[in-house]
Amino acid sequence: MDDRARGTSLRLVLPAPAAAPPVLDPAQASAVAWPAGAGNLLVVGAPGTGKTTTAIETFLVRRRAARAVQPAVDAPGGAW
């Protein structure tokens, strides 16, 4: 018995279009540019000031940078 015969339905959902990256103010941009090994950086502010946006952009910038420099490793037999 297929899914339609059991009363279930399928729905096709298209992915949302990519959103434009947010425009960061100078303070947010300097926080995103904070070097990874330079120690901790505390971002504080009132609700709605962009703390989460700053954190997400920092993560994305560092993730892109890490992917750009991953070395290719080829071990014999696929072993590490």
C-alpha atoms as a PDB file:
ATOM      1  CA  MET A   1       0.000   0.000   0.000  1.00  0.00           C
ATOM      2  CA  ASP A   2       1.532   3.388  -0.929  1.00  0.00           C
ATOM      3  CA  ASP A   3       1.438   6.519   1.266  1.00  0.00           C
ATOM      4  CA  ARG A   4      -1.544   8.040  -0.547  1.00  0.00           C
ATOM      5  CA  ALA A   5      -3.650   4.988   0.149  1.00  0.00           C
ATOM      6  CA  ARG A   6      -2.988   5.396   3.892  1.00  0.00           C
ATOM      7  CA  GLY A   7      -4.197   8.988   3.909  1.00  0.00           C
ATOM      8  CA  THR A   8      -0.803  10.669   4.187  1.00  0.00           C
ATOM      9  CA  SER A   9       0.308  13.342   1.777  1.00  0.00           C
ATOM     10  CA  LEU A  10       3.631  14.655   0.600  1.00  0.00           C
ATOM     11  CA  ARG A  11       4.484  18.298   0.206  1.00  0.00           C
ATOM     12  CA  LEU A  12       7.357  19.772  -1.783  1.00  0.00           C
ATOM     13  CA  VAL A  13       9.050  22.646   0.026  1.00  0.00           C
ATOM     14  CA  LEU A  14      11.514  24.778  -1.896  1.00  0.00           C
ATOM     15  CA  PRO A  15      14.512  26.198  -0.024  1.00  0.00           C
ATOM     16  CA  ALA A  16      14.280  29.828   0.955  1.00  0.00           C
ATOM     17  CA  PRO A  17      16.346  32.178  -1.179  1.00  0.00           C
ATOM     18  CA  ALA A  18      19.684  33.120   0.347  1.00  0.00           C
ATOM     19  CA  ALA A  19      19.473  36.274   2.384  1.00  0.00           C
ATOM     20  CA  ALA A  20      21.925  39.094   1.859  1.00  0.00           C
ATOM     21  CA  PRO A  21      24.573  39.254   4.576  1.00  0.00           C
ATOM     22  CA  PRO A  22      23.795  41.801   7.276  1.00  0.00           C
ATOM     23  CA  VAL A  23      25.431  45.208   7.232  1.00  0.00           C
ATOM     24  CA  LEU A  24      27.595  45.448  10.341  1.00  0.00           C
ATOM     25  CA  ASP A  25      28.254  48.708  12.142  1.00  0.00           C
ATOM     26  CA  PRO A  26      31.898  49.558  12.990  1.00  0.00           C
ATOM     27  CA  ALA A  27      31.728  48.031  16.486  1.00  0.00           C
ATOM     28  CA  GLN A  28      30.258  44.784  15.145  1.00  0.00           C
ATOM     29  CA  ALA A  29      32.821  44.648  12.332  1.00  0.00           C
ATOM     30  CA  SER A  30      35.692  45.035  14.798  1.00  0.00           C
ATOM     31  CA  ALA A  31      34.263  42.226  16.951  1.00  0.00           C
ATOM     32  CA  VAL A  32      33.959  39.942  13.897  1.00  0.00           C
ATOM     33  CA  ALA A  33      37.549  40.786  12.927  1.00  0.00           C
ATOM     34  CA  TRP A  34      38.856  39.991  16.437  1.00  0.00           C
ATOM     35  CA  PRO A  35      41.695  37.458  15.968  1.00  0.00           C
ATOM     36  CA  ALA A  36      40.803  33.956  17.126  1.00  0.00           C
ATOM     37  CA  GLY A  37      43.897  33.601  19.322  1.00  0.00           C
ATOM     38  CA  ALA A  38      43.795  37.096  20.815  1.00  0.00           C
ATOM     39  CA  GLY A  39      41.875  36.107  23.935  1.00  0.00           C
ATOM     40  CA  ASN A  40      38.240  36.395  24.864  1.00  0.00           C
ATOM     41  CA  LEU A  41      35.983  39.195  23.696  1.00  0.00           C
ATOM     42  CA  LEU A  42      32.792  39.966  25.586  1.00  0.00           C
ATOM     43  CA  VAL A  43      30.010  41.460  23.484  1.00  0.00           C
ATOM     44  CA  VAL A  44      27.382  43.234  25.565  1.00  0.00           C
ATOM     45  CA  GLY A  45      24.409  45.376  24.679  1.00  0.00           C
ATOM     46  CA  ALA A  46      20.727  45.921  25.156  1.00  0.00           C
ATOM     47  CA  PRO A  47      18.168  43.717  23.409  1.00  0.00           C
ATOM     48  CA  GLY A  48      18.077  44.295  19.667  1.00  0.00           C
ATOM     49  CA  THR A  49      21.573  45.767  19.361  1.00  0.00           C
ATOM     50  CA  GLY A  50      22.999  42.956  17.209  1.00  0.00           C
ATOM     51  CA  LYS A  51      24.820  40.670  19.645  1.00  0.00           C
ATOM     52  CA  THR A  52      23.473  37.504  18.027  1.00  0.00           C
ATOM     53  CA  THR A  53      24.164  38.825  14.527  1.00  0.00           C
ATOM     54  CA  THR A  54      27.742  39.592  15.568  1.00  0.00           C
ATOM     55  CA  ALA A  55      28.196  36.113  17.050  1.00  0.00           C
ATOM     56  CA  ILE A  56      26.800  34.378  13.966  1.00  0.00           C
ATOM     57  CA  GLU A  57      28.887  36.471  11.569  1.00  0.00           C
ATOM     58  CA  THR A  58      32.012  35.737  13.648  1.00  0.00           C
ATOM     59  CA  PHE A  59      31.277  32.016  13.444  1.00  0.00           C
ATOM     60  CA  LEU A  60      30.652  32.138   9.690  1.00  0.00           C
ATOM     61  CA  VAL A  61      33.817  34.138   8.953  1.00  0.00           C
ATOM     62  CA  ARG A  62      35.956  31.714  10.969  1.00  0.00           C
ATOM     63  CA  ARG A  63      34.297  28.659   9.461  1.00  0.00           C
ATOM     64  CA  ARG A  64      34.917  29.961   5.927  1.00  0.00           C
ATOM     65  CA  ALA A  65      38.542  30.695   6.810  1.00  0.00           C
ATOM     66  CA  ALA A  66      39.035  27.204   8.271  1.00  0.00           C
ATOM     67  CA  ARG A  67      37.609  25.572   5.158  1.00  0.00           C
ATOM     68  CA  ALA A  68      39.883  27.642   2.923  1.00  0.00           C
ATOM     69  CA  VAL A  69      43.062  26.356   4.572  1.00  0.00           C
ATOM     70  CA  GLN A  70      42.238  22.703   5.251  1.00  0.00           C
ATOM     71  CA  PRO A  71      45.165  20.646   3.997  1.00  0.00           C
ATOM     72  CA  ALA A  72      44.553  17.646   1.817  1.00  0.00           C
ATOM     73  CA  VAL A  73      45.746  14.516   3.603  1.00  0.00           C
ATOM     74  CA  ASP A  74      46.310  11.302   1.750  1.00  0.00           C
ATOM     75  CA  ALA A  75      47.275   8.357   3.919  1.00  0.00           C
ATOM     76  CA  PRO A  76      48.065   4.933   2.496  1.00  0.00           C
ATOM     77  CA  GLY A  77      44.984   2.768   2.518  1.00  0.00           C
ATOM     78  CA  GLY A  78      42.862   5.636   3.810  1.00  0.00           C
ATOM     79  CA  ALA A  79      44.236   5.245   7.335  1.00  0.00           C
ATOM     80  CA  TRP A  80      45.146   8.256   9.443  1.00  0.00           C
END
